[in-house]
C-alpha atoms as a PDB file:
ATOM      1  CA  UNK A   1     -30.933 -44.763  -9.682  1.00  0.00           C
ATOM      2  CA  UNK A   2     -28.161 -47.412  -9.438  1.00  0.00           C
ATOM      3  CA  UNK A   3     -29.154 -51.043  -8.707  1.00  0.00           C
ATOM      4  CA  UNK A   4     -28.146 -52.775  -5.571  1.00  0.00           C
ATOM      5  CA  UNK A   5     -28.625 -56.018  -4.144  1.00  0.00           C
ATOM      6  CA  UNK A   6     -26.996 -58.708  -1.485  1.00  0.00           C
ATOM      7  CA  UNK A   7     -27.482 -62.702  -1.234  1.00  0.00           C
ATOM      8  CA  UNK A   8     -26.525 -65.148   1.562  1.00  0.00           C
ATOM      9  CA  UNK A   9     -27.130 -68.662   0.550  1.00  0.00           C
ATOM     10  CA  UNK A  10     -25.692 -72.116   1.508  1.00  0.00           C
ATOM     11  CA  UNK A  11     -24.730 -72.208  -2.070  1.00  0.00           C
ATOM     12  CA  UNK A  12     -22.341 -70.251  -4.246  1.00  0.00           C
ATOM     13  CA  UNK A  13     -23.803 -66.811  -5.013  1.00  0.00           C
ATOM     14  CA  UNK A  14     -21.900 -65.556  -7.929  1.00  0.00           C
ATOM     15  CA  UNK A  15     -24.469 -66.599 -10.728  1.00  0.00           C
ATOM     16  CA  UNK A  16     -27.409 -65.510  -8.658  1.00  0.00           C
ATOM     17  CA  UNK A  17     -25.763 -62.138  -8.322  1.00  0.00           C
ATOM     18  CA  UNK A  18     -25.160 -62.083 -12.090  1.00  0.00           C
ATOM     19  CA  UNK A  19     -28.722 -62.966 -12.863  1.00  0.00           C
ATOM     20  CA  UNK A  20     -29.966 -60.512 -10.575  1.00  0.00           C
ATOM     21  CA  UNK A  21     -27.833 -57.681 -11.907  1.00  0.00           C
ATOM     22  CA  UNK A  22     -29.056 -58.641 -15.280  1.00  0.00           C
ATOM     23  CA  UNK A  23     -32.886 -57.926 -13.878  1.00  0.00           C
ATOM     24  CA  UNK A  24     -31.609 -54.658 -12.425  1.00  0.00           C
ATOM     25  CA  UNK A  25     -29.886 -53.488 -15.629  1.00  0.00           C
ATOM     26  CA  UNK A  26     -32.558 -51.013 -16.273  1.00  0.00           C
ATOM     27  CA  UNK A  27     -31.387 -49.192 -13.122  1.00  0.00           C
ATOM     28  CA  UNK A  28     -27.655 -48.594 -14.389  1.00  0.00           C
ATOM     29  CA  UNK A  29     -25.885 -49.123 -17.421  1.00  0.00           C
ATOM     30  CA  UNK A  30     -22.590 -47.422 -16.942  1.00  0.00           C
ATOM     31  CA  UNK A  31     -20.909 -49.898 -14.813  1.00  0.00           C
ATOM     32  CA  UNK A  32     -21.486 -53.182 -12.876  1.00  0.00           C
ATOM     33  CA  UNK A  33     -19.636 -55.033  -9.941  1.00  0.00           C
ATOM     34  CA  UNK A  34     -19.887 -58.120  -7.755  1.00  0.00           C
ATOM     35  CA  UNK A  35     -17.916 -58.824  -4.349  1.00  0.00           C
ATOM     36  CA  UNK A  36     -18.103 -61.946  -2.583  1.00  0.00           C
ATOM     37  CA  UNK A  37     -16.720 -63.380   0.445  1.00  0.00           C
ATOM     38  CA  UNK A  38     -15.619 -67.043   0.998  1.00  0.00           C
ATOM     39  CA  UNK A  39     -15.420 -67.241   4.764  1.00  0.00           C
ATOM     40  CA  UNK A  40     -11.656 -66.313   4.531  1.00  0.00           C
ATOM     41  CA  UNK A  41     -11.455 -63.383   1.774  1.00  0.00           C
ATOM     42  CA  UNK A  42     -13.318 -60.865  -0.265  1.00  0.00           C
ATOM     43  CA  UNK A  43     -13.311 -61.283  -4.044  1.00  0.00           C
ATOM     44  CA  UNK A  44     -14.484 -58.621  -6.272  1.00  0.00           C
ATOM     45  CA  UNK A  45     -14.913 -57.745  -9.992  1.00  0.00           C
ATOM     46  CA  UNK A  46     -16.334 -54.546 -11.442  1.00  0.00           C
ATOM     47  CA  UNK A  47     -15.847 -52.365 -14.426  1.00  0.00           C
ATOM     48  CA  UNK A  48     -17.459 -49.709 -16.895  1.00  0.00           C
ATOM     49  CA  UNK A  49     -19.980 -51.285 -19.008  1.00  0.00           C
ATOM     50  CA  UNK A  50     -23.163 -53.265 -19.192  1.00  0.00           C
ATOM     51  CA  UNK A  51     -23.272 -56.495 -17.038  1.00  0.00           C
ATOM     52  CA  UNK A  52     -22.916 -58.841 -19.827  1.00  0.00           C
ATOM     53  CA  UNK A  53     -19.817 -57.159 -21.208  1.00  0.00           C
ATOM     54  CA  UNK A  54     -18.108 -56.727 -17.599  1.00  0.00           C
ATOM     55  CA  UNK A  55     -18.556 -60.364 -16.578  1.00  0.00           C
ATOM     56  CA  UNK A  56     -16.985 -63.274 -18.537  1.00  0.00           C
ATOM     57  CA  UNK A  57     -16.728 -66.957 -17.339  1.00  0.00           C
ATOM     58  CA  UNK A  58     -13.035 -66.403 -15.976  1.00  0.00           C
ATOM     59  CA  UNK A  59     -14.270 -63.528 -13.849  1.00  0.00           C
ATOM     60  CA  UNK A  60     -17.242 -65.466 -12.418  1.00  0.00           C
ATOM     61  CA  UNK A  61     -14.939 -68.468 -11.605  1.00  0.00           C
ATOM     62  CA  UNK A  62     -12.957 -66.244  -9.119  1.00  0.00           C
ATOM     63  CA  UNK A  63     -16.324 -64.787  -7.418  1.00  0.00           C
ATOM     64  CA  UNK A  64     -16.415 -67.607  -4.825  1.00  0.00           C
ATOM     65  CA  UNK A  65     -18.274 -67.603  -1.831  1.00  0.00           C
ATOM     66  CA  UNK A  66     -21.780 -68.053  -0.274  1.00  0.00           C
ATOM     67  CA  UNK A  67     -22.353 -64.133   0.550  1.00  0.00           C
ATOM     68  CA  UNK A  68     -22.128 -61.410  -1.939  1.00  0.00           C
ATOM     69  CA  UNK A  69     -23.307 -57.967  -3.149  1.00  0.00           C
ATOM     70  CA  UNK A  70     -23.702 -56.482  -6.606  1.00  0.00           C
ATOM     71  CA  UNK A  71     -24.280 -53.044  -8.270  1.00  0.00           C
ATOM     72  CA  UNK A  72     -25.122 -51.710 -11.432  1.00  0.00           C
ATOM     73  CA  UNK A  73     -24.431 -47.583 -11.796  1.00  0.00           C
ATOM     74  CA  UNK A  74     -26.190 -45.096 -12.952  1.00  0.00           C
ATOM     75  CA  UNK A  75     -23.990 -41.943 -12.359  1.00  0.00           C
ATOM     76  CA  UNK A  76     -25.431 -38.840 -10.633  1.00  0.00           C
ATOM     77  CA  UNK A  77     -21.857 -37.721  -9.563  1.00  0.00           C
ATOM     78  CA  UNK A  78     -18.427 -38.021 -10.674  1.00  0.00           C
ATOM     79  CA  UNK A  79     -16.969 -39.154 -14.054  1.00  0.00           C
ATOM     80  CA  UNK A  80     -19.284 -41.380 -16.163  1.00  0.00           C
ATOM     81  CA  UNK A  81     -16.376 -43.581 -17.723  1.00  0.00           C
ATOM     82  CA  UNK A  82     -14.035 -43.867 -14.805  1.00  0.00           C
ATOM     83  CA  UNK A  83     -13.545 -47.593 -13.830  1.00  0.00           C
ATOM     84  CA  UNK A  84     -12.487 -46.376 -10.331  1.00  0.00           C
ATOM     85  CA  UNK A  85     -16.071 -45.290  -9.548  1.00  0.00           C
ATOM     86  CA  UNK A  86     -17.724 -48.769 -10.357  1.00  0.00           C
ATOM     87  CA  UNK A  87     -18.806 -50.494  -7.265  1.00  0.00           C
ATOM     88  CA  UNK A  88     -18.880 -52.372  -4.820  1.00  0.00           C
ATOM     89  CA  UNK A  89     -16.374 -50.736  -3.015  1.00  0.00           C
ATOM     90  CA  UNK A  90     -14.091 -52.493  -0.577  1.00  0.00           C
ATOM     91  CA  UNK A  91     -12.493 -51.098   2.463  1.00  0.00           C
ATOM     92  CA  UNK A  92      -9.742 -53.079   4.131  1.00  0.00           C
ATOM     93  CA  UNK A  93      -9.616 -51.407   7.550  1.00  0.00           C
ATOM     94  CA  UNK A  94     -10.030 -52.449  10.082  1.00  0.00           C
ATOM     95  CA  UNK A  95     -12.027 -55.789   9.432  1.00  0.00           C
ATOM     96  CA  UNK A  96     -12.734 -55.564   5.787  1.00  0.00           C
ATOM     97  CA  UNK A  97     -15.936 -54.532   4.445  1.00  0.00           C
ATOM     98  CA  UNK A  98     -17.730 -54.443   1.111  1.00  0.00           C
ATOM     99  CA  UNK A  99     -20.572 -52.113   0.307  1.00  0.00           C
ATOM    100  CA  UNK A 100     -22.607 -50.712  -2.473  1.00  0.00           C
ATOM    101  CA  UNK A 101     -24.695 -47.336  -2.649  1.00  0.00           C
ATOM    102  CA  UNK A 102     -27.603 -45.982  -4.465  1.00  0.00           C
ATOM    103  CA  UNK A 103     -28.459 -42.278  -3.696  1.00  0.00           C
ATOM    104  CA  UNK A 104     -27.182 -38.813  -3.271  1.00  0.00           C
ATOM    105  CA  UNK A 105     -25.842 -37.212  -0.252  1.00  0.00           C
ATOM    106  CA  UNK A 106     -26.362 -33.696   0.398  1.00  0.00           C
ATOM    107  CA  UNK A 107     -23.480 -33.071   3.005  1.00  0.00           C
ATOM    108  CA  UNK A 108     -20.875 -35.086   1.050  1.00  0.00           C
ATOM    109  CA  UNK A 109     -18.685 -32.201   0.151  1.00  0.00           C
ATOM    110  CA  UNK A 110     -18.624 -31.380   3.879  1.00  0.00           C
ATOM    111  CA  UNK A 111     -17.789 -34.964   5.213  1.00  0.00           C
ATOM    112  CA  UNK A 112     -15.226 -35.143   2.586  1.00  0.00           C
ATOM    113  CA  UNK A 113     -13.435 -32.045   3.937  1.00  0.00           C
ATOM    114  CA  UNK A 114     -13.633 -33.425   7.354  1.00  0.00           C
ATOM    115  CA  UNK A 115     -12.069 -36.512   6.525  1.00  0.00           C
ATOM    116  CA  UNK A 116      -9.451 -35.133   4.419  1.00  0.00           C
ATOM    117  CA  UNK A 117      -8.203 -33.004   7.173  1.00  0.00           C
ATOM    118  CA  UNK A 118      -6.896 -35.771   9.245  1.00  0.00           C
ATOM    119  CA  UNK A 119      -5.525 -37.691   6.422  1.00  0.00           C
ATOM    120  CA  UNK A 120      -8.103 -39.417   4.237  1.00  0.00           C
ATOM    121  CA  UNK A 121      -6.956 -39.689   0.530  1.00  0.00           C
ATOM    122  CA  UNK A 122      -9.916 -40.205  -1.835  1.00  0.00           C
ATOM    123  CA  UNK A 123      -9.583 -42.052  -5.075  1.00  0.00           C
ATOM    124  CA  UNK A 124     -12.906 -40.983  -6.617  1.00  0.00           C
ATOM    125  CA  UNK A 125     -15.063 -37.797  -6.486  1.00  0.00           C
ATOM    126  CA  UNK A 126     -18.182 -39.579  -5.764  1.00  0.00           C
ATOM    127  CA  UNK A 127     -20.199 -39.543  -2.464  1.00  0.00           C
ATOM    128  CA  UNK A 128     -19.851 -43.385  -2.201  1.00  0.00           C
ATOM    129  CA  UNK A 129     -16.435 -43.176  -1.061  1.00  0.00           C
ATOM    130  CA  UNK A 130     -17.272 -40.727   1.602  1.00  0.00           C
ATOM    131  CA  UNK A 131     -19.643 -43.627   3.144  1.00  0.00           C
ATOM    132  CA  UNK A 132     -16.781 -45.986   2.820  1.00  0.00           C
ATOM    133  CA  UNK A 133     -14.398 -43.997   4.880  1.00  0.00           C
ATOM    134  CA  UNK A 134     -17.057 -43.066   7.429  1.00  0.00           C
ATOM    135  CA  UNK A 135     -17.601 -46.821   7.999  1.00  0.00           C
ATOM    136  CA  UNK A 136     -14.205 -47.720   8.360  1.00  0.00           C
ATOM    137  CA  UNK A 137     -13.646 -44.720  10.757  1.00  0.00           C
ATOM    138  CA  UNK A 138     -16.813 -45.555  12.987  1.00  0.00           C
ATOM    139  CA  UNK A 139     -15.862 -49.397  12.863  1.00  0.00           C
ATOM    140  CA  UNK A 140     -12.556 -48.460  14.691  1.00  0.00           C
ATOM    141  CA  UNK A 141     -14.822 -46.878  17.494  1.00  0.00           C
ATOM    142  CA  UNK A 142     -17.690 -49.490  17.357  1.00  0.00           C
ATOM    143  CA  UNK A 143     -18.134 -53.096  18.930  1.00  0.00           C
ATOM    144  CA  UNK A 144     -20.368 -54.284  15.830  1.00  0.00           C
ATOM    145  CA  UNK A 145     -20.403 -53.448  12.035  1.00  0.00           C
ATOM    146  CA  UNK A 146     -24.185 -52.594  12.799  1.00  0.00           C
ATOM    147  CA  UNK A 147     -23.279 -49.906  15.285  1.00  0.00           C
ATOM    148  CA  UNK A 148     -20.501 -48.507  12.770  1.00  0.00           C
ATOM    149  CA  UNK A 149     -23.280 -48.286  10.108  1.00  0.00           C
ATOM    150  CA  UNK A 150     -25.731 -46.682  12.306  1.00  0.00           C
ATOM    151  CA  UNK A 151     -22.875 -44.095  13.470  1.00  0.00           C
ATOM    152  CA  UNK A 152     -22.337 -43.420   9.737  1.00  0.00           C
ATOM    153  CA  UNK A 153     -26.108 -43.067   8.954  1.00  0.00           C
ATOM    154  CA  UNK A 154     -26.314 -40.571  11.616  1.00  0.00           C
ATOM    155  CA  UNK A 155     -23.760 -38.403   9.727  1.00  0.00           C
ATOM    156  CA  UNK A 156     -24.729 -38.679   6.098  1.00  0.00           C
ATOM    157  CA  UNK A 157     -27.953 -36.744   4.883  1.00  0.00           C
ATOM    158  CA  UNK A 158     -29.759 -37.479   1.731  1.00  0.00           C
ATOM    159  CA  UNK A 159     -31.677 -39.981   0.139  1.00  0.00           C
ATOM    160  CA  UNK A 160     -29.672 -43.415  -0.204  1.00  0.00           C
ATOM    161  CA  UNK A 161     -29.923 -46.915   0.139  1.00  0.00           C
ATOM    162  CA  UNK A 162     -26.700 -49.345   1.252  1.00  0.00           C
ATOM    163  CA  UNK A 163     -25.872 -52.942   1.232  1.00  0.00           C
ATOM    164  CA  UNK A 164     -22.959 -53.622   3.328  1.00  0.00           C
ATOM    165  CA  UNK A 165     -21.110 -56.858   3.733  1.00  0.00           C
ATOM    166  CA  UNK A 166     -18.622 -57.803   6.258  1.00  0.00           C
ATOM    167  CA  UNK A 167     -16.932 -61.050   6.876  1.00  0.00           C
ATOM    168  CA  UNK A 168     -19.793 -62.228   9.310  1.00  0.00           C
ATOM    169  CA  UNK A 169     -22.859 -59.840   8.113  1.00  0.00           C
ATOM    170  CA  UNK A 170     -24.713 -58.634   5.305  1.00  0.00           C
ATOM    171  CA  UNK A 171     -26.608 -55.506   5.908  1.00  0.00           C
ATOM    172  CA  UNK A 172     -29.241 -53.347   4.245  1.00  0.00           C
ATOM    173  CA  UNK A 173     -29.956 -50.000   4.884  1.00  0.00           C
ATOM    174  CA  UNK A 174     -31.562 -46.974   3.683  1.00  0.00           C
ATOM    175  CA  UNK A 175     -32.244 -43.123   4.686  1.00  0.00           C
ATOM    176  CA  UNK A 176     -34.647 -42.446   7.371  1.00  0.00           C
ATOM    177  CA  UNK A 177     -37.197 -40.849   4.795  1.00  0.00           C
END
């Protein structure tokens, strides 16, 4: 029951994301994170804890940009207190993508094994990282980020919602059920 959201605005979105995460806090109380994009680069802050404990003025000042995504975590997989499992995740390759995920993938172990065979090195044990690798791999073969997300979604099975931020797009997606 994680909480995820995305905002695009003509104004800075850091405070709006923070306020929205406060409202979504009931959906997850183990970790919180925000990622923003300022037109040139991604900025991110995430940690284990409640929203009010994770974000301070110094963190909020660094989250510049008019587009952003947020996440509050309710763990269903992975180590509950591991800060590496806080989201949003950022994938630098090939064009830069940040994303947040809620849900459970029933085929995550099989996909992880398929990705590890050619060289993927996972930092966490959660299924969200499998999605990150799939989107990055599919982006190399796709003309658009939307096409890459669609191809990724064709491979993952389960109940989930995603919010994906690329340098030019903010995409929301959910499982076909």
